[in-house]
Amino acid sequence: MTVMKVDLHCHSNVSDGVLAPAAVAETACKAGVDVWALTDHDEVRGIPAARAAAEAQGMRFVTGVEISITWAKETVHIVGLQIDENNQALVDGLACTRSGRDNRGREIANQLALVGIEGAYEGALKYVGNPDLMSRTHFARFLVEIGACASTAEVFKKYLSEGKPGYVPHCWASLEQSVQWIRGAGGIAVIAHPGRYRFTQLAQGELFSEFKQLGGTAIEVVTGSHTPDQYPEYAQLANHYGFLASRGTDFHAPGESRVDFAALPPLPANVTPVWHDWF
């Protein structure tokens, strides 16, 4: 039996990816993806181009978004799938969430200047496809460009993580708001890459319980942001909490993402895919 290859977490240059939505669709299709979602950070304006390109490539397209939230003083990402991207409450909520990114970007640049890295704001701006969505990733690409680090992962470790020069916290939307926006737009709420957050086991359980109580449906199990040993761990947790399981590369750019489209393994057999009743 042929297993359908589904990727429900990808980024374009409408947020912090490198490729235009149509180019991401083409890259996914060439790698054998059958069902594809564009889930740009706090932004849905890439969806029309992504949908048209996916359909032209013969892929099934799923509308999506990745919403930045603050929970327990940590940044967490909530993916919305099968959303109506024209839903006004969602569009307004995302616009509110995006506001403040430019000010944060200028403060990141100020912090980097204090440790001898000048011109970081202008340097990061060269990588920004959407002026509303300057992110730490854009600064990371600039620091790699000037030779401050060998990779974007090294930049985050040395400069852009909590306690490092260049880290500037930001208060995003709430968990409740994100789930409300997604559900109000007819969508399904998914906790993105839960293994990436620095929560204790107890705090993670509290996040999952609150998310489920608010109407959250799924968690990502197989994702480019998880290590292979985390796949069975989060499959077990999905079943324990009664969540459906999602899958996606968290693609940002060729050669930059941890796992490319062709290499991401399928979901474990013991979970129910979030797409189980879509087709």
C-alpha atoms as a PDB file:
ATOM      1  CA  MET A   1       0.000   0.000   0.000  1.00  0.00           C
ATOM      2  CA  THR A   2       1.313   3.440  -0.941  1.00  0.00           C
ATOM      3  CA  VAL A   3       1.537   5.831   2.005  1.00  0.00           C
ATOM      4  CA  MET A   4       0.330   9.330   1.215  1.00  0.00           C
ATOM      5  CA  LYS A   5       3.080  11.862   1.930  1.00  0.00           C
ATOM      6  CA  VAL A   6       1.604  14.767   3.876  1.00  0.00           C
ATOM      7  CA  ASP A   7       3.468  17.916   4.952  1.00  0.00           C
ATOM      8  CA  LEU A   8       1.473  20.333   7.091  1.00  0.00           C
ATOM      9  CA  HIS A   9       4.170  22.746   8.290  1.00  0.00           C
ATOM     10  CA  CYS A  10       6.108  24.916   5.815  1.00  0.00           C
ATOM     11  CA  HIS A  11       7.204  28.535   5.481  1.00  0.00           C
ATOM     12  CA  SER A  12       7.666  30.917   2.576  1.00  0.00           C
ATOM     13  CA  ASN A  13       9.192  34.354   2.232  1.00  0.00           C
ATOM     14  CA  VAL A  14       5.851  35.802   3.290  1.00  0.00           C
ATOM     15  CA  SER A  15       7.146  35.056   6.794  1.00  0.00           C
ATOM     16  CA  ASP A  16      10.658  33.797   7.568  1.00  0.00           C
ATOM     17  CA  GLY A  17      11.216  31.341   4.723  1.00  0.00           C
ATOM     18  CA  VAL A  18      13.468  32.055   1.745  1.00  0.00           C
ATOM     19  CA  LEU A  19      11.372  30.850  -1.205  1.00  0.00           C
ATOM     20  CA  ALA A  20       8.176  32.358  -2.570  1.00  0.00           C
ATOM     21  CA  PRO A  21       5.024  30.292  -1.882  1.00  0.00           C
ATOM     22  CA  ALA A  22       4.941  28.886  -5.427  1.00  0.00           C
ATOM     23  CA  ALA A  23       8.586  27.823  -5.185  1.00  0.00           C
ATOM     24  CA  VAL A  24       7.945  26.039  -1.882  1.00  0.00           C
ATOM     25  CA  ALA A  25       5.061  24.187  -3.548  1.00  0.00           C
ATOM     26  CA  GLU A  26       7.311  23.159  -6.424  1.00  0.00           C
ATOM     27  CA  THR A  27      10.057  21.992  -4.060  1.00  0.00           C
ATOM     28  CA  ALA A  28       7.579  19.937  -2.034  1.00  0.00           C
ATOM     29  CA  CYS A  29       6.056  18.365  -5.133  1.00  0.00           C
ATOM     30  CA  LYS A  30       9.438  17.375  -6.571  1.00  0.00           C
ATOM     31  CA  ALA A  31      10.166  15.604  -3.277  1.00  0.00           C
ATOM     32  CA  GLY A  32       7.006  13.527  -3.609  1.00  0.00           C
ATOM     33  CA  VAL A  33       4.648  15.415  -1.284  1.00  0.00           C
ATOM     34  CA  ASP A  34       0.982  14.619  -2.004  1.00  0.00           C
ATOM     35  CA  VAL A  35      -0.746  16.908   0.503  1.00  0.00           C
ATOM     36  CA  TRP A  36       0.815  20.234   1.430  1.00  0.00           C
ATOM     37  CA  ALA A  37       0.081  23.182   3.708  1.00  0.00           C
ATOM     38  CA  LEU A  38       1.688  26.607   3.846  1.00  0.00           C
ATOM     39  CA  THR A  39       1.807  27.715   7.497  1.00  0.00           C
ATOM     40  CA  ASP A  40       3.551  31.075   7.530  1.00  0.00           C
ATOM     41  CA  HIS A  41       4.113  32.792  10.877  1.00  0.00           C
ATOM     42  CA  ASP A  42       1.179  35.051  11.826  1.00  0.00           C
ATOM     43  CA  GLU A  43       0.394  35.650   8.150  1.00  0.00           C
ATOM     44  CA  VAL A  44      -2.028  34.249   5.561  1.00  0.00           C
ATOM     45  CA  ARG A  45      -1.309  36.460   2.553  1.00  0.00           C
ATOM     46  CA  GLY A  46       0.784  33.764   0.869  1.00  0.00           C
ATOM     47  CA  ILE A  47      -2.114  31.311   0.732  1.00  0.00           C
ATOM     48  CA  PRO A  48      -3.666  32.305  -2.653  1.00  0.00           C
ATOM     49  CA  ALA A  49      -0.337  31.874  -4.486  1.00  0.00           C
ATOM     50  CA  ALA A  50       0.396  28.680  -2.563  1.00  0.00           C
ATOM     51  CA  ARG A  51      -3.008  27.211  -3.374  1.00  0.00           C
ATOM     52  CA  ALA A  52      -2.716  28.001  -7.079  1.00  0.00           C
ATOM     53  CA  ALA A  53       0.801  26.540  -7.268  1.00  0.00           C
ATOM     54  CA  ALA A  54      -0.145  23.384  -5.357  1.00  0.00           C
ATOM     55  CA  GLU A  55      -3.109  22.758  -7.610  1.00  0.00           C
ATOM     56  CA  ALA A  56      -0.959  23.346 -10.690  1.00  0.00           C
ATOM     57  CA  GLN A  57       1.536  20.789  -9.338  1.00  0.00           C
ATOM     58  CA  GLY A  58      -1.253  18.255  -8.696  1.00  0.00           C
ATOM     59  CA  MET A  59      -0.965  18.376  -4.897  1.00  0.00           C
ATOM     60  CA  ARG A  60      -3.858  18.624  -2.468  1.00  0.00           C
ATOM     61  CA  PHE A  61      -3.603  21.955  -0.661  1.00  0.00           C
ATOM     62  CA  VAL A  62      -4.421  22.683   2.969  1.00  0.00           C
ATOM     63  CA  THR A  63      -4.762  26.268   4.174  1.00  0.00           C
ATOM     64  CA  GLY A  64      -2.646  26.981   7.227  1.00  0.00           C
ATOM     65  CA  VAL A  65      -0.988  29.456   9.561  1.00  0.00           C
ATOM     66  CA  GLU A  66       1.419  29.294  12.514  1.00  0.00           C
ATOM     67  CA  ILE A  67       0.449  31.647  15.339  1.00  0.00           C
ATOM     68  CA  SER A  68       3.000  32.898  17.861  1.00  0.00           C
ATOM     69  CA  ILE A  69       1.721  32.809  21.431  1.00  0.00           C
ATOM     70  CA  THR A  70       3.130  33.391  24.886  1.00  0.00           C
ATOM     71  CA  TRP A  71       2.411  30.659  27.443  1.00  0.00           C
ATOM     72  CA  ALA A  72       4.103  30.437  30.850  1.00  0.00           C
ATOM     73  CA  LYS A  73       6.450  33.223  29.698  1.00  0.00           C
ATOM     74  CA  GLU A  74       7.675  31.070  26.786  1.00  0.00           C
ATOM     75  CA  THR A  75       6.990  31.474  23.067  1.00  0.00           C
ATOM     76  CA  VAL A  76       4.910  28.581  21.740  1.00  0.00           C
ATOM     77  CA  HIS A  77       3.605  28.101  18.200  1.00  0.00           C
ATOM     78  CA  ILE A  78       0.077  26.969  17.367  1.00  0.00           C
ATOM     79  CA  VAL A  79      -0.612  25.795  13.814  1.00  0.00           C
ATOM     80  CA  GLY A  80      -4.057  26.289  12.324  1.00  0.00           C
ATOM     81  CA  LEU A  81      -5.082  23.929   9.522  1.00  0.00           C
ATOM     82  CA  GLN A  82      -8.103  23.987   7.171  1.00  0.00           C
ATOM     83  CA  ILE A  83      -8.710  27.628   8.067  1.00  0.00           C
ATOM     84  CA  ASP A  84     -10.710  30.195   6.122  1.00  0.00           C
ATOM     85  CA  GLU A  85      -7.908  32.661   5.467  1.00  0.00           C
ATOM     86  CA  ASN A  86     -10.437  35.441   4.871  1.00  0.00           C
ATOM     87  CA  ASN A  87     -12.057  35.137   8.297  1.00  0.00           C
ATOM     88  CA  GLN A  88     -11.979  38.687   9.646  1.00  0.00           C
ATOM     89  CA  ALA A  89     -11.366  37.818  13.306  1.00  0.00           C
ATOM     90  CA  LEU A  90      -8.394  35.664  12.302  1.00  0.00           C
ATOM     91  CA  VAL A  91      -7.001  38.307   9.933  1.00  0.00           C
ATOM     92  CA  ASP A  92      -7.354  41.021  12.599  1.00  0.00           C
ATOM     93  CA  GLY A  93      -5.827  38.797  15.290  1.00  0.00           C
ATOM     94  CA  LEU A  94      -2.810  37.996  13.125  1.00  0.00           C
ATOM     95  CA  ALA A  95      -2.306  41.685  12.319  1.00  0.00           C
ATOM     96  CA  CYS A  96      -2.293  42.459  16.026  1.00  0.00           C
ATOM     97  CA  THR A  97       0.183  39.649  16.665  1.00  0.00           C
ATOM     98  CA  ARG A  98       2.526  40.913  13.943  1.00  0.00           C
ATOM     99  CA  SER A  99       2.596  44.413  15.399  1.00  0.00           C
ATOM    100  CA  GLY A 100       5.656  45.059  17.473  1.00  0.00           C
ATOM    101  CA  ARG A 101       7.995  42.890  15.404  1.00  0.00           C
ATOM    102  CA  ASP A 102       9.770  45.913  13.898  1.00  0.00           C
ATOM    103  CA  ASN A 103      10.410  47.456  17.317  1.00  0.00           C
ATOM    104  CA  ARG A 104      11.734  44.139  18.569  1.00  0.00           C
ATOM    105  CA  GLY A 105      13.977  43.905  15.500  1.00  0.00           C
ATOM    106  CA  ARG A 106      15.477  47.325  16.192  1.00  0.00           C
ATOM    107  CA  GLU A 107      16.138  46.361  19.806  1.00  0.00           C
ATOM    108  CA  ILE A 108      17.801  43.086  18.704  1.00  0.00           C
ATOM    109  CA  ALA A 109      20.068  45.176  16.474  1.00  0.00           C
ATOM    110  CA  ASN A 110      20.853  47.490  19.375  1.00  0.00           C
ATOM    111  CA  GLN A 111      21.790  44.539  21.576  1.00  0.00           C
ATOM    112  CA  LEU A 112      24.019  43.061  18.864  1.00  0.00           C
ATOM    113  CA  ALA A 113      25.729  46.434  18.395  1.00  0.00           C
ATOM    114  CA  LEU A 114      26.721  46.351  22.069  1.00  0.00           C
ATOM    115  CA  VAL A 115      28.793  43.217  21.372  1.00  0.00           C
ATOM    116  CA  GLY A 116      30.399  44.676  18.231  1.00  0.00           C
ATOM    117  CA  ILE A 117      28.005  43.589  15.487  1.00  0.00           C
ATOM    118  CA  GLU A 118      27.016  46.747  13.657  1.00  0.00           C
ATOM    119  CA  GLY A 119      24.345  47.215  10.989  1.00  0.00           C
ATOM    120  CA  ALA A 120      22.314  44.174  12.022  1.00  0.00           C
ATOM    121  CA  TYR A 121      18.921  45.786  11.453  1.00  0.00           C
ATOM    122  CA  GLU A 122      19.754  46.789   7.877  1.00  0.00           C
ATOM    123  CA  GLY A 123      21.489  43.455   7.331  1.00  0.00           C
ATOM    124  CA  ALA A 124      18.490  41.450   8.523  1.00  0.00           C
ATOM    125  CA  LEU A 125      16.148  43.630   6.476  1.00  0.00           C
ATOM    126  CA  LYS A 126      17.790  42.343   3.268  1.00  0.00           C
ATOM    127  CA  TYR A 127      16.354  38.903   4.053  1.00  0.00           C
ATOM    128  CA  VAL A 128      12.858  40.103   4.918  1.00  0.00           C
ATOM    129  CA  GLY A 129      10.216  39.318   2.299  1.00  0.00           C
ATOM    130  CA  ASN A 130       7.365  40.821   4.317  1.00  0.00           C
ATOM    131  CA  PRO A 131       8.151  44.077   6.197  1.00  0.00           C
ATOM    132  CA  ASP A 132       5.594  43.155   8.872  1.00  0.00           C
ATOM    133  CA  LEU A 133       7.417  39.957   9.736  1.00  0.00           C
ATOM    134  CA  MET A 134      11.014  40.654  10.667  1.00  0.00           C
ATOM    135  CA  SER A 135      12.126  37.707  12.819  1.00  0.00           C
ATOM    136  CA  ARG A 136      15.154  36.310  14.602  1.00  0.00           C
ATOM    137  CA  THR A 137      15.733  34.026  11.609  1.00  0.00           C
ATOM    138  CA  HIS A 138      16.427  37.052   9.407  1.00  0.00           C
ATOM    139  CA  PHE A 139      19.075  38.226  11.875  1.00  0.00           C
ATOM    140  CA  ALA A 140      20.521  34.719  11.962  1.00  0.00           C
ATOM    141  CA  ARG A 141      20.957  34.699   8.181  1.00  0.00           C
ATOM    142  CA  PHE A 142      22.735  38.063   8.314  1.00  0.00           C
ATOM    143  CA  LEU A 143      25.130  36.864  11.026  1.00  0.00           C
ATOM    144  CA  VAL A 144      25.987  33.822   8.910  1.00  0.00           C
ATOM    145  CA  GLU A 145      26.512  36.119   5.904  1.00  0.00           C
ATOM    146  CA  ILE A 146      29.076  38.254   7.756  1.00  0.00           C
ATOM    147  CA  GLY A 147      30.876  35.215   9.142  1.00  0.00           C
ATOM    148  CA  ALA A 148      29.915  35.706  12.793  1.00  0.00           C
ATOM    149  CA  CYS A 149      28.698  32.092  12.837  1.00  0.00           C
ATOM    150  CA  ALA A 150      28.855  29.117  10.503  1.00  0.00           C
ATOM    151  CA  SER A 151      25.122  28.312  10.578  1.00  0.00           C
ATOM    152  CA  THR A 152      21.811  29.778  11.652  1.00  0.00           C
ATOM    153  CA  ALA A 153      21.617  27.141  14.404  1.00  0.00           C
ATOM    154  CA  GLU A 154      24.910  28.424  15.815  1.00  0.00           C
ATOM    155  CA  VAL A 155      23.596  32.007  15.712  1.00  0.00           C
ATOM    156  CA  PHE A 156      20.578  31.071  17.800  1.00  0.00           C
ATOM    157  CA  LYS A 157      22.790  29.250  20.290  1.00  0.00           C
ATOM    158  CA  LYS A 158      25.326  32.091  20.655  1.00  0.00           C
ATOM    159  CA  TYR A 159      23.266  35.236  20.157  1.00  0.00           C
ATOM    160  CA  LEU A 160      19.483  34.909  19.893  1.00  0.00           C
ATOM    161  CA  SER A 161      18.443  32.600  22.739  1.00  0.00           C
ATOM    162  CA  GLU A 162      17.448  33.683  26.237  1.00  0.00           C
ATOM    163  CA  GLY A 163      20.414  34.940  28.231  1.00  0.00           C
ATOM    164  CA  LYS A 164      22.492  35.678  25.120  1.00  0.00           C
ATOM    165  CA  PRO A 165      23.277  39.054  23.508  1.00  0.00           C
ATOM    166  CA  GLY A 166      20.628  39.745  20.905  1.00  0.00           C
ATOM    167  CA  TYR A 167      17.767  38.026  22.719  1.00  0.00           C
ATOM    168  CA  VAL A 168      14.750  40.297  23.100  1.00  0.00           C
ATOM    169  CA  PRO A 169      11.564  38.766  24.549  1.00  0.00           C
ATOM    170  CA  HIS A 170       8.200  39.555  23.025  1.00  0.00           C
ATOM    171  CA  CYS A 171       4.689  39.027  24.339  1.00  0.00           C
ATOM    172  CA  TRP A 172       2.536  37.405  21.667  1.00  0.00           C
ATOM    173  CA  ALA A 173      -1.123  36.328  21.579  1.00  0.00           C
ATOM    174  CA  SER A 174      -2.523  34.026  24.270  1.00  0.00           C
ATOM    175  CA  LEU A 175      -3.204  30.310  23.847  1.00  0.00           C
ATOM    176  CA  GLU A 176      -6.915  30.977  24.215  1.00  0.00           C
ATOM    177  CA  GLN A 177      -6.865  33.681  21.535  1.00  0.00           C
ATOM    178  CA  SER A 178      -4.991  31.506  19.047  1.00  0.00           C
ATOM    179  CA  VAL A 179      -7.371  28.569  19.435  1.00  0.00           C
ATOM    180  CA  GLN A 180     -10.394  30.873  19.224  1.00  0.00           C
ATOM    181  CA  TRP A 181      -9.125  32.488  16.014  1.00  0.00           C
ATOM    182  CA  ILE A 182      -8.397  29.125  14.416  1.00  0.00           C
ATOM    183  CA  ARG A 183     -11.669  27.487  15.429  1.00  0.00           C
ATOM    184  CA  GLY A 184     -13.609  30.630  14.526  1.00  0.00           C
ATOM    185  CA  ALA A 185     -12.112  30.375  11.033  1.00  0.00           C
ATOM    186  CA  GLY A 186     -13.332  26.775  10.749  1.00  0.00           C
ATOM    187  CA  GLY A 187      -9.885  25.335  11.375  1.00  0.00           C
ATOM    188  CA  ILE A 188      -8.112  22.743  13.492  1.00  0.00           C
ATOM    189  CA  ALA A 189      -5.618  23.853  16.150  1.00  0.00           C
ATOM    190  CA  VAL A 190      -2.314  21.965  16.448  1.00  0.00           C
ATOM    191  CA  ILE A 191       0.578  22.479  18.889  1.00  0.00           C
ATOM    192  CA  ALA A 192       3.673  22.829  16.704  1.00  0.00           C
ATOM    193  CA  HIS A 193       6.839  20.855  17.564  1.00  0.00           C
ATOM    194  CA  PRO A 194       6.034  20.375  21.281  1.00  0.00           C
ATOM    195  CA  GLY A 195       9.402  18.739  21.911  1.00  0.00           C
ATOM    196  CA  ARG A 196      11.191  21.989  21.144  1.00  0.00           C
ATOM    197  CA  TYR A 197       9.925  23.923  24.161  1.00  0.00           C
ATOM    198  CA  ARG A 198      11.859  24.053  27.408  1.00  0.00           C
ATOM    199  CA  PHE A 199       9.021  22.941  29.649  1.00  0.00           C
ATOM    200  CA  THR A 200       9.211  20.485  32.502  1.00  0.00           C
ATOM    201  CA  GLN A 201       7.117  17.353  32.123  1.00  0.00           C
ATOM    202  CA  LEU A 202       4.571  18.868  34.506  1.00  0.00           C
ATOM    203  CA  ALA A 203       4.359  22.174  32.607  1.00  0.00           C
ATOM    204  CA  GLN A 204       4.038  20.365  29.280  1.00  0.00           C
ATOM    205  CA  GLY A 205       1.161  18.369  30.702  1.00  0.00           C
ATOM    206  CA  GLU A 206      -0.517  21.591  31.815  1.00  0.00           C
ATOM    207  CA  LEU A 207      -0.075  23.053  28.313  1.00  0.00           C
ATOM    208  CA  PHE A 208      -1.606  19.962  26.702  1.00  0.00           C
ATOM    209  CA  SER A 209      -4.518  19.891  29.162  1.00  0.00           C
ATOM    210  CA  GLU A 210      -5.331  23.581  28.723  1.00  0.00           C
ATOM    211  CA  PHE A 211      -5.017  23.301  24.944  1.00  0.00           C
ATOM    212  CA  LYS A 212      -7.442  20.365  24.882  1.00  0.00           C
ATOM    213  CA  GLN A 213      -9.893  22.158  27.174  1.00  0.00           C
ATOM    214  CA  LEU A 214      -9.870  25.180  24.829  1.00  0.00           C
ATOM    215  CA  GLY A 215     -10.694  22.978  21.839  1.00  0.00           C
ATOM    216  CA  GLY A 216      -7.238  22.085  20.529  1.00  0.00           C
ATOM    217  CA  THR A 217      -7.243  18.996  18.346  1.00  0.00           C
ATOM    218  CA  ALA A 218      -3.731  17.765  17.565  1.00  0.00           C
ATOM    219  CA  ILE A 219       0.003  17.939  18.217  1.00  0.00           C
ATOM    220  CA  GLU A 220       2.868  17.577  15.787  1.00  0.00           C
ATOM    221  CA  VAL A 221       4.538  14.207  16.242  1.00  0.00           C
ATOM    222  CA  VAL A 222       6.870  13.878  13.261  1.00  0.00           C
ATOM    223  CA  THR A 223       8.440  17.243  12.491  1.00  0.00           C
ATOM    224  CA  GLY A 224      11.780  18.562  11.337  1.00  0.00           C
ATOM    225  CA  SER A 225      12.044  20.254  14.730  1.00  0.00           C
ATOM    226  CA  HIS A 226      11.934  16.922  16.592  1.00  0.00           C
ATOM    227  CA  THR A 227      14.731  14.385  16.871  1.00  0.00           C
ATOM    228  CA  PRO A 228      13.913  10.828  15.749  1.00  0.00           C
ATOM    229  CA  ASP A 229      13.755   9.584  19.342  1.00  0.00           C
ATOM    230  CA  GLN A 230      11.021  12.155  20.022  1.00  0.00           C
ATOM    231  CA  TYR A 231       8.674  10.704  17.375  1.00  0.00           C
ATOM    232  CA  PRO A 232       7.534   7.718  19.498  1.00  0.00           C
ATOM    233  CA  GLU A 233       7.545   9.881  22.633  1.00  0.00           C
ATOM    234  CA  TYR A 234       5.065  12.354  21.179  1.00  0.00           C
ATOM    235  CA  ALA A 235       3.053   9.618  19.500  1.00  0.00           C
ATOM    236  CA  GLN A 236       2.514   8.167  22.969  1.00  0.00           C
ATOM    237  CA  LEU A 237       1.606  11.587  24.384  1.00  0.00           C
ATOM    238  CA  ALA A 238      -0.845  12.226  21.530  1.00  0.00           C
ATOM    239  CA  ASN A 239      -2.655   9.026  22.381  1.00  0.00           C
ATOM    240  CA  HIS A 240      -2.519   9.699  26.118  1.00  0.00           C
ATOM    241  CA  TYR A 241      -4.201  13.098  25.750  1.00  0.00           C
ATOM    242  CA  GLY A 242      -6.527  12.056  22.934  1.00  0.00           C
ATOM    243  CA  PHE A 243      -4.897  14.239  20.291  1.00  0.00           C
ATOM    244  CA  LEU A 244      -4.662  13.574  16.585  1.00  0.00           C
ATOM    245  CA  ALA A 245      -1.127  13.548  15.176  1.00  0.00           C
ATOM    246  CA  SER A 246       0.326  15.951  12.604  1.00  0.00           C
ATOM    247  CA  ARG A 247       3.430  15.828  10.442  1.00  0.00           C
ATOM    248  CA  GLY A 248       5.542  18.488   8.727  1.00  0.00           C
ATOM    249  CA  THR A 249       9.115  19.411   7.911  1.00  0.00           C
ATOM    250  CA  ASP A 250       8.971  22.974   9.295  1.00  0.00           C
ATOM    251  CA  PHE A 251      10.666  23.837   5.986  1.00  0.00           C
ATOM    252  CA  HIS A 252      12.245  27.301   5.723  1.00  0.00           C
ATOM    253  CA  ALA A 253      14.888  27.029   3.000  1.00  0.00           C
ATOM    254  CA  PRO A 254      16.747  24.399   0.975  1.00  0.00           C
ATOM    255  CA  GLY A 255      19.700  23.189   3.015  1.00  0.00           C
ATOM    256  CA  GLU A 256      18.666  25.196   6.071  1.00  0.00           C
ATOM    257  CA  SER A 257      15.974  22.961   7.507  1.00  0.00           C
ATOM    258  CA  ARG A 258      16.969  19.989   9.667  1.00  0.00           C
ATOM    259  CA  VAL A 259      15.023  17.522   7.492  1.00  0.00           C
ATOM    260  CA  ASP A 260      14.040  18.017   3.867  1.00  0.00           C
ATOM    261  CA  PHE A 261      10.739  16.975   2.295  1.00  0.00           C
ATOM    262  CA  ALA A 262      11.976  13.632   0.994  1.00  0.00           C
ATOM    263  CA  ALA A 263      13.657  12.532   4.231  1.00  0.00           C
ATOM    264  CA  LEU A 264      10.913  13.094   6.817  1.00  0.00           C
ATOM    265  CA  PRO A 265       9.552   9.693   7.933  1.00  0.00           C
ATOM    266  CA  PRO A 266       5.835   8.858   8.098  1.00  0.00           C
ATOM    267  CA  LEU A 267       3.804   9.061  11.283  1.00  0.00           C
ATOM    268  CA  PRO A 268       4.059   6.079  13.633  1.00  0.00           C
ATOM    269  CA  ALA A 269       1.373   3.477  12.966  1.00  0.00           C
ATOM    270  CA  ASN A 270      -0.184   3.796  16.434  1.00  0.00           C
ATOM    271  CA  VAL A 271      -1.520   7.360  16.019  1.00  0.00           C
ATOM    272  CA  THR A 272      -4.493   8.812  14.177  1.00  0.00           C
ATOM    273  CA  PRO A 273      -3.402  11.372  11.560  1.00  0.00           C
ATOM    274  CA  VAL A 274      -4.991  14.791  11.784  1.00  0.00           C
ATOM    275  CA  TRP A 275      -5.994  14.343   8.131  1.00  0.00           C
ATOM    276  CA  HIS A 276      -7.659  10.941   8.687  1.00  0.00           C
ATOM    277  CA  ASP A 277     -11.127  12.146   7.621  1.00  0.00           C
ATOM    278  CA  TRP A 278     -10.237  14.897   5.160  1.00  0.00           C
ATOM    279  CA  PHE A 279     -10.135  12.960   1.903  1.00  0.00           C
END
